[in-house]
Amino acid sequence: MLRSRGESHDKTPPKAVTPPLRVLAADGIDLAAAAAALPGLEVVPAAQAGGDGRARLCLVAPGADADAQAALEAAGLGHLPRVVWNGDPAALVAGMGARLEAALADAGAARRSAALLRREQEALNRRFKALEGLAWALGGPQASLALDWPPGPATATVPEGSATLRQALPVDVSGLAAVDLLLPELTPEEAGEVVVAIEDSEGHLHPLALAATSVERADGWLRFAAETPLPVDPQDGVLLAEGLPEGTIIGLGHPVPDPDFAAHGLEGGDGCTLALRVWKGITGTAGSMAPTAPAVAGLVHERLLPADLPRPALIARPRAARDHVATDFWAKENAVLVHPSTAGPVCARLARVPVAGVQRASAVVHAAHPRSGVLGFAMGFAAPGQATSDNWQQFLGPWTYLAPGSWGEVHAPPQPSAARMGRSCDLLLATCVAGEATNESAWALFRAFRLSRSAPE
């Protein structure tokens, strides 16, 4: 907008004039003397205030406090503090100081209450978000699988000296309940010495305790669980592990393109992640994240390599098989090969394994060739001579299917009646080709076994 030549361009608003602080004087107070003693303050008679909102305190004469209080209440100013005036301004300062301290105390209490309400509100919001996410994902169970990195074709070992194993997690750690790690060679005593924790982005450590039932499962997977799902805001986190013995074999996942998510602190990691599973729950709830398999007390676990076992022999093969079917012990790999057929599953037997009273059995399996098809594995055990070419399938546990180059584990169904096993047992190793047109390079290997037997009395 154009202005005329004589129009001023200064549009600065005038400064507001702050009125002086008003002080009331009750009956018996010399107004002139009080005004002279309190320069900069406006002293007015209390009888003329009439609900004045600018008044901050009232001066009362010595011995007239009760009468002044009644007069103030009648005028609607009973909330004003009263100061006994004897002509000394210091009394006024002391009264105002007390008033200020009371106001500061009230303000501090209000801030503390507001902070408490804010924390409670944030905690409720976190719980509602976790509950809503869990309900949307899986319909509201107590825990959900938030991350699953299956075993890949490689393993790594713990280097010499004390080292901290670090694995960055690509999921937020809010509500994290447990982590499963593949440590197939640890004894129960060694597993109890492992220290695992989650470090959040703020640098706080959240310890995870070993679930004893995961040791009893004897499948190589160890579960480390939090007492309750972590009650933190959604944020990044890192898995830390210490106390692993030198040379411990750790299962690895597949290589990742981002080196930040590769496992650090191992020999032979080659840019791979750890083989792990991350479980999440509802924050603020207490619940055990024990593995699903029940614990069996009083078991002794024996780890056996294929070189320690009898040589395999086929007991079942498809009658229509026209392709290559075989079983053998590969000494250089220290593994048992059970080469399947596209016509159906194949079963090999390790006869009279010298372990008495076997109740459970499991094995680490490997689809060893990178260009094989998807391979299926299963295992079982029976008393010597009990499994035949006609009934071998009834002794097998669930099938596990692996992509080319992948690792996994298989479990035999539990056998509570260990007395029938005698002093030895037969291990049954079954494989198959899952929907592939050829069984070329179907290197289905059983690399390690764990047999659980009754403890001697």
Protein backbone atom coordinates (compact mmCIF):
# COMPACT_ATOMS: atom_id res chain seq x y z
CA MET A 1 0.00 0.00 0.00
CA LEU A 2 1.43 3.37 -1.00
CA ARG A 3 1.84 6.05 1.68
CA SER A 4 1.73 9.77 1.32
CA ARG A 5 4.90 11.78 1.70
CA GLY A 6 3.92 13.10 5.09
CA GLU A 7 2.74 9.78 6.52
CA SER A 8 5.00 8.17 9.11
CA HIS A 9 6.45 4.74 8.34
CA ASP A 10 7.01 3.90 12.02
CA LYS A 11 4.36 1.34 12.96
CA THR A 12 6.02 0.19 16.19
CA PRO A 13 3.25 -0.31 18.74
CA PRO A 14 3.55 1.77 21.91
CA LYS A 15 5.05 0.04 24.89
CA ALA A 16 2.59 -1.26 27.45
CA VAL A 17 2.79 0.48 30.81
CA THR A 18 2.93 -1.99 33.68
CA PRO A 19 0.89 -0.71 36.62
CA PRO A 20 2.61 -0.73 40.03
CA LEU A 21 2.02 -3.56 42.45
CA ARG A 22 -1.00 -2.79 44.61
CA VAL A 23 -0.91 -3.34 48.37
CA LEU A 24 -3.94 -3.01 50.61
CA ALA A 25 -3.77 -1.29 54.00
CA ALA A 26 -6.21 -2.38 56.71
CA ASP A 27 -7.68 -0.10 59.34
CA GLY A 28 -5.05 1.31 61.69
CA ILE A 29 -2.32 1.67 59.02
CA ASP A 30 -0.94 5.15 58.26
CA LEU A 31 -1.32 5.29 54.45
CA ALA A 32 1.11 8.17 53.96
CA ALA A 33 3.84 6.53 56.08
CA ALA A 34 3.33 3.17 54.35
CA ALA A 35 3.47 4.74 50.90
CA ALA A 36 6.65 6.63 51.85
CA ALA A 37 8.27 3.43 53.18
CA LEU A 38 7.28 1.42 50.09
CA PRO A 39 8.29 3.47 47.04
CA GLY A 40 7.12 2.00 43.73
CA LEU A 41 4.10 0.28 45.32
CA GLU A 42 0.56 1.54 45.29
CA VAL A 43 -0.92 1.54 48.81
CA VAL A 44 -4.73 1.80 48.95
CA PRO A 45 -7.16 1.36 51.85
CA ALA A 46 -8.56 -2.16 52.16
CA ALA A 47 -12.06 -0.76 52.78
CA GLN A 48 -12.06 0.73 49.25
CA ALA A 49 -10.66 -2.36 47.44
CA GLY A 50 -14.00 -4.17 46.93
CA GLY A 51 -12.69 -7.33 45.24
CA ASP A 52 -9.71 -5.67 43.57
CA GLY A 53 -7.95 -8.29 41.47
CA ARG A 54 -4.66 -6.39 41.33
CA ALA A 55 -4.03 -6.54 45.08
CA ARG A 56 -1.30 -8.94 46.14
CA LEU A 57 -1.23 -8.65 49.95
CA CYS A 58 -2.66 -6.67 52.84
CA LEU A 59 -0.87 -4.72 55.55
CA VAL A 60 -2.42 -5.11 58.99
CA ALA A 61 -1.66 -3.33 62.23
CA PRO A 62 -0.11 -5.29 65.11
CA GLY A 63 -2.84 -7.12 67.05
CA ALA A 64 -5.51 -6.48 64.41
CA ASP A 65 -4.96 -9.55 62.25
CA ALA A 66 -8.33 -11.16 63.11
CA ASP A 67 -10.31 -8.01 62.34
CA ALA A 68 -8.42 -7.54 59.08
CA GLN A 69 -9.11 -11.14 58.05
CA ALA A 70 -12.86 -10.68 58.64
CA ALA A 71 -12.86 -7.44 56.63
CA LEU A 72 -10.99 -9.06 53.74
CA GLU A 73 -13.35 -12.02 53.65
CA ALA A 74 -16.31 -9.68 53.59
CA ALA A 75 -14.76 -7.89 50.62
CA GLY A 76 -14.03 -11.17 48.79
CA LEU A 77 -10.29 -10.92 49.37
CA GLY A 78 -9.83 -13.53 52.05
CA HIS A 79 -7.24 -15.34 49.93
CA LEU A 80 -4.71 -12.46 50.20
CA PRO A 81 -1.74 -12.99 52.51
CA ARG A 82 -1.55 -10.63 55.49
CA VAL A 83 1.64 -8.98 56.71
CA VAL A 84 1.89 -7.32 60.13
CA TRP A 85 3.13 -3.79 59.36
CA ASN A 86 5.35 -2.05 61.85
CA GLY A 87 6.93 0.46 59.47
CA ASP A 88 9.80 -1.85 58.39
CA PRO A 89 9.78 -2.81 54.66
CA ALA A 90 11.71 -5.99 55.49
CA ALA A 91 8.50 -7.47 56.93
CA LEU A 92 6.87 -7.00 53.56
CA VAL A 93 9.79 -8.66 51.78
CA ALA A 94 9.63 -11.61 54.18
CA GLY A 95 5.92 -12.05 53.55
CA MET A 96 6.32 -11.85 49.82
CA GLY A 97 9.24 -14.28 50.00
CA ALA A 98 7.13 -16.78 51.89
CA ARG A 99 4.40 -16.34 49.33
CA LEU A 100 6.90 -16.90 46.53
CA GLU A 101 8.29 -20.05 48.17
CA ALA A 102 4.77 -21.42 48.57
CA ALA A 103 4.05 -20.65 44.91
CA LEU A 104 7.27 -22.34 43.81
CA ALA A 105 6.45 -25.41 45.91
CA ASP A 106 2.99 -25.59 44.36
CA ALA A 107 4.46 -25.21 40.88
CA GLY A 108 7.00 -27.97 41.56
CA ALA A 109 4.28 -30.31 42.80
CA ALA A 110 2.21 -29.52 39.72
CA ARG A 111 5.19 -30.26 37.44
CA ARG A 112 5.86 -33.56 39.19
CA SER A 113 2.21 -34.55 38.89
CA ALA A 114 2.20 -33.61 35.21
CA ALA A 115 5.38 -35.61 34.58
CA LEU A 116 3.91 -38.64 36.36
CA LEU A 117 0.72 -38.40 34.32
CA ARG A 118 2.77 -38.02 31.14
CA ARG A 119 4.84 -41.13 31.90
CA GLU A 120 1.73 -43.14 32.69
CA GLN A 121 0.11 -41.93 29.48
CA GLU A 122 3.18 -42.87 27.44
CA ALA A 123 3.28 -46.31 29.07
CA LEU A 124 -0.39 -46.84 28.27
CA ASN A 125 0.19 -45.74 24.69
CA ARG A 126 3.07 -48.20 24.32
CA ARG A 127 0.96 -51.04 25.66
CA PHE A 128 -1.97 -50.18 23.44
CA LYS A 129 0.29 -49.97 20.39
CA ALA A 130 1.88 -53.34 21.19
CA LEU A 131 -1.51 -54.90 21.80
CA GLU A 132 -2.95 -53.43 18.62
CA GLY A 133 0.01 -54.59 16.51
CA LEU A 134 -0.12 -58.07 17.96
CA ALA A 135 -3.87 -58.32 17.43
CA TRP A 136 -3.59 -57.19 13.83
CA ALA A 137 -0.76 -59.64 13.12
CA LEU A 138 -1.83 -62.84 14.81
CA GLY A 139 -5.19 -62.39 16.45
CA GLY A 140 -3.93 -61.77 19.96
CA PRO A 141 -1.66 -64.62 21.16
CA GLN A 142 0.79 -64.05 24.00
CA ALA A 143 3.83 -63.92 21.72
CA SER A 144 4.64 -63.57 18.04
CA LEU A 145 7.67 -64.36 15.92
CA ALA A 146 9.03 -60.95 14.91
CA LEU A 147 12.21 -62.10 13.13
CA ASP A 148 13.35 -65.48 11.80
CA TRP A 149 16.81 -65.91 10.28
CA PRO A 150 17.07 -69.67 9.51
CA PRO A 151 20.43 -71.42 9.52
CA GLY A 152 22.41 -70.98 6.31
CA PRO A 153 25.20 -73.01 4.75
CA ALA A 154 27.98 -71.66 7.02
CA THR A 155 28.99 -71.69 10.67
CA ALA A 156 31.47 -69.60 12.65
CA THR A 157 33.56 -70.04 15.78
CA VAL A 158 34.31 -67.85 18.77
CA PRO A 159 37.85 -66.43 18.49
CA GLU A 160 40.57 -66.79 21.07
CA GLY A 161 40.22 -64.55 24.09
CA SER A 162 37.17 -62.92 25.57
CA ALA A 163 35.09 -61.31 22.88
CA THR A 164 31.66 -59.74 22.69
CA LEU A 165 29.43 -61.01 19.95
CA ARG A 166 27.31 -58.22 18.40
CA GLN A 167 24.32 -58.60 16.10
CA ALA A 168 22.26 -55.58 15.03
CA LEU A 169 18.54 -56.34 14.81
CA PRO A 170 16.37 -54.97 11.97
CA VAL A 171 13.27 -54.89 14.19
CA ASP A 172 12.53 -52.51 17.04
CA VAL A 173 13.15 -53.95 20.49
CA SER A 174 9.94 -52.64 22.07
CA GLY A 175 8.12 -55.62 23.55
CA LEU A 176 10.99 -58.04 22.82
CA ALA A 177 10.41 -61.17 24.89
CA ALA A 178 13.04 -63.72 23.87
CA VAL A 179 15.82 -64.55 21.41
CA ASP A 180 16.75 -68.05 20.16
CA LEU A 181 20.38 -68.71 19.15
CA LEU A 182 21.75 -71.81 17.41
CA LEU A 183 24.59 -73.12 19.64
CA PRO A 184 24.60 -76.87 18.92
CA GLU A 185 27.77 -77.84 20.78
CA LEU A 186 27.36 -76.13 24.15
CA THR A 187 26.97 -78.32 27.22
CA PRO A 188 24.37 -77.31 29.82
CA GLU A 189 27.14 -76.02 32.07
CA GLU A 190 28.66 -73.91 29.28
CA ALA A 191 25.24 -72.60 28.26
CA GLY A 192 24.66 -71.40 31.82
CA GLU A 193 27.77 -69.19 31.60
CA VAL A 194 26.62 -67.33 28.49
CA VAL A 195 25.51 -63.74 29.15
CA VAL A 196 23.06 -62.29 26.62
CA ALA A 197 21.53 -58.80 26.62
CA ILE A 198 19.81 -56.30 24.36
CA GLU A 199 21.38 -52.85 24.06
CA ASP A 200 18.85 -50.23 22.96
CA SER A 201 19.63 -47.06 21.02
CA GLU A 202 19.93 -45.08 24.28
CA GLY A 203 22.71 -47.36 25.51
CA HIS A 204 20.65 -49.15 28.17
CA LEU A 205 21.23 -52.88 28.64
CA HIS A 206 18.33 -55.30 29.09
CA PRO A 207 19.56 -58.74 30.25
CA LEU A 208 18.08 -61.97 28.89
CA ALA A 209 18.21 -65.14 31.01
CA LEU A 210 18.71 -68.66 29.68
CA ALA A 211 15.49 -70.70 29.60
CA ALA A 212 16.35 -74.04 31.17
CA THR A 213 13.76 -75.88 29.09
CA SER A 214 15.61 -74.93 25.90
CA VAL A 215 18.62 -76.87 27.19
CA GLU A 216 16.41 -79.88 27.89
CA ARG A 217 15.11 -79.82 24.31
CA ALA A 218 18.62 -80.74 23.16
CA ASP A 219 18.07 -79.46 19.61
CA GLY A 220 20.91 -76.94 19.53
CA TRP A 221 18.65 -73.89 19.90
CA LEU A 222 19.02 -72.00 23.17
CA ARG A 223 16.41 -69.46 24.25
CA PHE A 224 17.31 -66.35 26.22
CA ALA A 225 14.20 -64.63 27.58
CA ALA A 226 13.43 -61.34 29.32
CA GLU A 227 11.55 -61.37 32.61
CA THR A 228 8.82 -59.32 30.91
CA PRO A 229 8.65 -57.95 27.34
CA LEU A 230 10.92 -54.93 27.19
CA PRO A 231 8.91 -51.80 28.22
CA VAL A 232 10.73 -49.33 25.97
CA ASP A 233 9.71 -47.04 23.13
CA PRO A 234 10.11 -48.41 19.59
CA GLN A 235 13.82 -48.11 18.79
CA ASP A 236 16.73 -50.00 17.27
CA GLY A 237 18.71 -52.49 19.29
CA VAL A 238 21.77 -54.75 19.25
CA LEU A 239 22.06 -58.30 20.56
CA LEU A 240 25.15 -58.79 22.77
CA ALA A 241 26.56 -62.15 23.88
CA GLU A 242 29.55 -62.83 26.15
CA GLY A 243 30.97 -65.81 27.98
CA LEU A 244 31.06 -68.17 24.99
CA PRO A 245 33.96 -70.64 25.24
CA GLU A 246 36.78 -70.32 22.72
CA GLY A 247 36.09 -72.36 19.59
CA THR A 248 32.33 -72.60 20.14
CA ILE A 249 30.46 -73.25 16.89
CA ILE A 250 27.64 -70.79 16.23
CA GLY A 251 25.02 -71.24 13.56
CA LEU A 252 24.92 -68.48 10.95
CA GLY A 253 22.16 -67.28 8.68
CA HIS A 254 22.59 -66.12 5.11
CA PRO A 255 24.84 -63.26 3.93
CA VAL A 256 23.32 -59.77 3.99
CA PRO A 257 24.13 -56.88 1.63
CA ASP A 258 24.31 -54.37 4.48
CA PRO A 259 27.44 -55.04 6.61
CA ASP A 260 25.84 -53.27 9.58
CA PHE A 261 23.52 -56.26 10.01
CA ALA A 262 26.26 -58.89 9.79
CA ALA A 263 27.43 -60.63 12.97
CA HIS A 264 30.57 -59.11 14.51
CA GLY A 265 33.06 -60.72 16.86
CA LEU A 266 33.34 -64.14 15.17
CA GLU A 267 35.88 -66.01 13.05
CA GLY A 268 34.50 -66.94 9.65
CA GLY A 269 31.38 -64.80 9.66
CA ASP A 270 31.87 -63.69 6.01
CA GLY A 271 29.14 -61.08 6.18
CA CYS A 272 26.44 -63.45 7.48
CA THR A 273 23.92 -62.85 10.21
CA LEU A 274 23.45 -65.08 13.20
CA ALA A 275 20.87 -67.82 12.89
CA LEU A 276 18.28 -66.57 15.34
CA ARG A 277 14.61 -66.08 16.13
CA VAL A 278 13.23 -62.99 17.88
CA TRP A 279 9.97 -63.23 19.81
CA LYS A 280 7.85 -60.26 20.91
CA GLY A 281 5.07 -60.02 23.47
CA ILE A 282 2.83 -57.43 25.07
CA THR A 283 4.71 -54.91 27.22
CA GLY A 284 3.65 -54.81 30.83
CA THR A 285 2.59 -58.45 30.95
CA ALA A 286 4.42 -61.25 32.69
CA GLY A 287 4.66 -64.50 30.80
CA SER A 288 7.19 -67.27 30.43
CA MET A 289 8.77 -67.57 26.99
CA ALA A 290 9.83 -71.14 27.61
CA PRO A 291 10.08 -73.35 24.50
CA THR A 292 7.02 -75.38 23.67
CA ALA A 293 8.62 -78.77 24.30
CA PRO A 294 8.24 -79.73 27.98
CA ALA A 295 11.31 -80.20 30.07
CA VAL A 296 12.35 -83.72 30.93
CA ALA A 297 14.20 -83.93 34.20
CA GLY A 298 17.02 -86.35 34.79
CA LEU A 299 18.28 -86.70 31.21
CA VAL A 300 21.89 -86.97 30.13
CA HIS A 301 22.71 -85.68 26.65
CA GLU A 302 25.41 -87.28 24.51
CA ARG A 303 26.68 -85.60 21.38
CA LEU A 304 27.90 -88.01 18.72
CA LEU A 305 29.51 -87.36 15.35
CA PRO A 306 28.98 -89.71 12.41
CA ALA A 307 32.55 -91.01 12.73
CA ASP A 308 31.60 -92.36 16.20
CA LEU A 309 28.61 -94.35 14.89
CA PRO A 310 28.07 -97.55 12.90
CA ARG A 311 28.05 -97.26 9.13
CA PRO A 312 24.65 -96.68 7.49
CA ALA A 313 22.68 -99.17 5.45
CA LEU A 314 19.50 -98.69 3.41
CA ILE A 315 16.38 -100.41 4.72
CA ALA A 316 13.76 -98.74 2.52
CA ARG A 317 13.66 -97.27 -0.97
CA PRO A 318 10.80 -96.70 -3.43
CA ARG A 319 10.12 -99.71 -5.62
CA ALA A 320 9.62 -97.42 -8.61
CA ALA A 321 12.95 -95.65 -8.13
CA ARG A 322 15.01 -95.52 -11.32
CA ASP A 323 17.36 -92.73 -10.25
CA HIS A 324 20.38 -92.79 -7.97
CA VAL A 325 19.66 -93.90 -4.38
CA ALA A 326 22.46 -94.49 -1.88
CA THR A 327 23.71 -94.05 1.65
CA ASP A 328 27.29 -93.69 2.76
CA PHE A 329 29.61 -92.25 5.37
CA TRP A 330 31.62 -89.33 3.99
CA ALA A 331 34.82 -89.34 6.00
CA LYS A 332 36.10 -85.96 4.74
CA GLU A 333 32.82 -84.30 5.69
CA ASN A 334 32.32 -86.47 8.80
CA ALA A 335 28.68 -86.82 7.73
CA VAL A 336 26.17 -89.49 6.77
CA LEU A 337 24.76 -89.14 3.25
CA VAL A 338 21.26 -90.42 2.52
CA HIS A 339 20.69 -89.72 -1.19
CA PRO A 340 16.92 -89.67 -1.86
CA SER A 341 14.84 -90.49 -4.92
CA THR A 342 12.24 -88.42 -6.72
CA ALA A 343 9.95 -91.46 -6.52
CA GLY A 344 9.60 -91.24 -2.74
CA PRO A 345 11.42 -91.12 0.61
CA VAL A 346 14.47 -93.22 1.42
CA CYS A 347 15.47 -94.52 4.86
CA ALA A 348 18.87 -95.60 6.19
CA ARG A 349 19.60 -97.29 9.48
CA LEU A 350 22.53 -96.94 11.87
CA ALA A 351 22.28 -100.29 13.62
CA ARG A 352 23.02 -100.85 17.30
CA VAL A 353 24.21 -97.42 18.35
CA PRO A 354 25.85 -98.10 21.75
CA VAL A 355 23.76 -95.72 23.89
CA ALA A 356 21.46 -97.25 26.50
CA GLY A 357 18.06 -95.94 27.59
CA VAL A 358 17.55 -93.41 24.78
CA GLN A 359 14.44 -91.27 25.23
CA ARG A 360 15.05 -88.48 22.72
CA ALA A 361 17.17 -87.95 19.64
CA SER A 362 17.91 -85.07 17.30
CA ALA A 363 20.33 -84.31 14.49
CA VAL A 364 21.84 -81.38 12.64
CA VAL A 365 21.09 -81.73 8.91
CA HIS A 366 22.46 -80.01 5.84
CA ALA A 367 21.29 -79.66 2.24
CA ALA A 368 24.92 -79.48 1.22
CA HIS A 369 24.87 -78.83 -2.53
CA PRO A 370 24.01 -75.26 -3.60
CA ARG A 371 22.26 -76.52 -6.76
CA SER A 372 20.20 -79.31 -5.28
CA GLY A 373 16.44 -79.19 -4.98
CA VAL A 374 14.52 -78.68 -1.75
CA LEU A 375 15.32 -81.67 0.47
CA GLY A 376 13.28 -83.17 3.30
CA PHE A 377 14.78 -84.76 6.43
CA ALA A 378 13.31 -86.86 9.24
CA MET A 379 14.68 -89.20 11.89
CA GLY A 380 13.60 -91.68 14.50
CA PHE A 381 14.94 -94.45 16.71
CA ALA A 382 13.82 -97.90 17.75
CA ALA A 383 15.01 -100.97 19.60
CA PRO A 384 17.52 -103.05 17.65
CA GLY A 385 15.72 -104.88 14.84
CA GLN A 386 12.31 -103.39 15.66
CA ALA A 387 12.20 -101.11 12.57
CA THR A 388 11.83 -102.92 9.24
CA SER A 389 11.25 -102.02 5.61
CA ASP A 390 7.51 -102.25 6.26
CA ASN A 391 7.07 -100.19 9.45
CA TRP A 392 9.99 -97.73 9.49
CA GLN A 393 7.81 -94.69 8.85
CA GLN A 394 5.91 -95.06 12.14
CA PHE A 395 9.11 -94.30 14.09
CA LEU A 396 9.87 -91.01 12.31
CA GLY A 397 9.33 -87.54 13.69
CA PRO A 398 8.15 -84.49 11.69
CA TRP A 399 9.79 -83.68 8.39
CA THR A 400 12.05 -80.64 7.98
CA TYR A 401 12.50 -79.13 4.50
CA LEU A 402 15.62 -77.17 3.59
CA ALA A 403 16.51 -74.97 0.65
CA PRO A 404 19.79 -75.66 -1.18
CA GLY A 405 22.79 -74.92 1.03
CA SER A 406 20.71 -74.54 4.22
CA TRP A 407 21.13 -76.07 7.65
CA GLY A 408 18.47 -77.24 10.06
CA GLU A 409 17.59 -79.81 12.70
CA VAL A 410 15.32 -82.83 12.93
CA HIS A 411 13.84 -84.49 15.99
CA ALA A 412 12.73 -88.00 16.69
CA PRO A 413 9.45 -88.44 18.57
CA PRO A 414 10.03 -88.91 22.33
CA GLN A 415 10.11 -92.46 23.61
CA PRO A 416 9.19 -92.46 27.32
CA SER A 417 9.55 -96.24 27.61
CA ALA A 418 13.32 -96.37 27.61
CA ALA A 419 13.42 -99.90 28.98
CA ARG A 420 12.59 -101.30 25.54
CA MET A 421 15.70 -99.71 24.07
CA GLY A 422 18.04 -102.00 25.96
CA ARG A 423 21.75 -101.29 25.80
CA SER A 424 21.65 -99.95 22.23
CA CYS A 425 19.23 -98.61 19.63
CA ASP A 426 18.82 -98.23 15.88
CA LEU A 427 18.80 -94.70 14.42
CA LEU A 428 16.59 -94.19 11.36
CA LEU A 429 17.57 -91.44 8.90
CA ALA A 430 15.06 -90.58 6.18
CA THR A 431 15.28 -88.10 3.30
CA CYS A 432 13.19 -87.11 0.28
CA VAL A 433 13.13 -84.71 -2.65
CA ALA A 434 10.35 -82.13 -2.33
CA GLY A 435 8.58 -81.77 -5.65
CA GLU A 436 11.68 -81.65 -7.86
CA ALA A 437 11.94 -83.28 -11.27
CA THR A 438 15.40 -84.66 -10.55
CA ASN A 439 17.47 -85.77 -7.59
CA GLU A 440 20.75 -84.63 -9.07
CA SER A 441 23.18 -83.40 -6.39
CA ALA A 442 20.68 -84.22 -3.63
CA TRP A 443 23.36 -84.27 -0.94
CA ALA A 444 21.23 -84.80 2.16
CA LEU A 445 23.73 -84.95 5.03
CA PHE A 446 23.31 -85.78 8.73
CA ARG A 447 26.24 -84.04 10.41
CA ALA A 448 25.81 -84.45 14.18
CA PHE A 449 23.54 -86.28 16.61
CA ARG A 450 22.40 -85.72 20.16
CA LEU A 451 20.91 -88.60 22.12
CA SER A 452 19.19 -88.02 25.46
CA ARG A 453 19.08 -90.90 27.89
CA SER A 454 18.09 -91.46 31.48
CA ALA A 455 20.60 -90.41 34.10
CA PRO A 456 22.11 -93.30 36.06
CA GLU A 457 20.65 -93.69 39.52
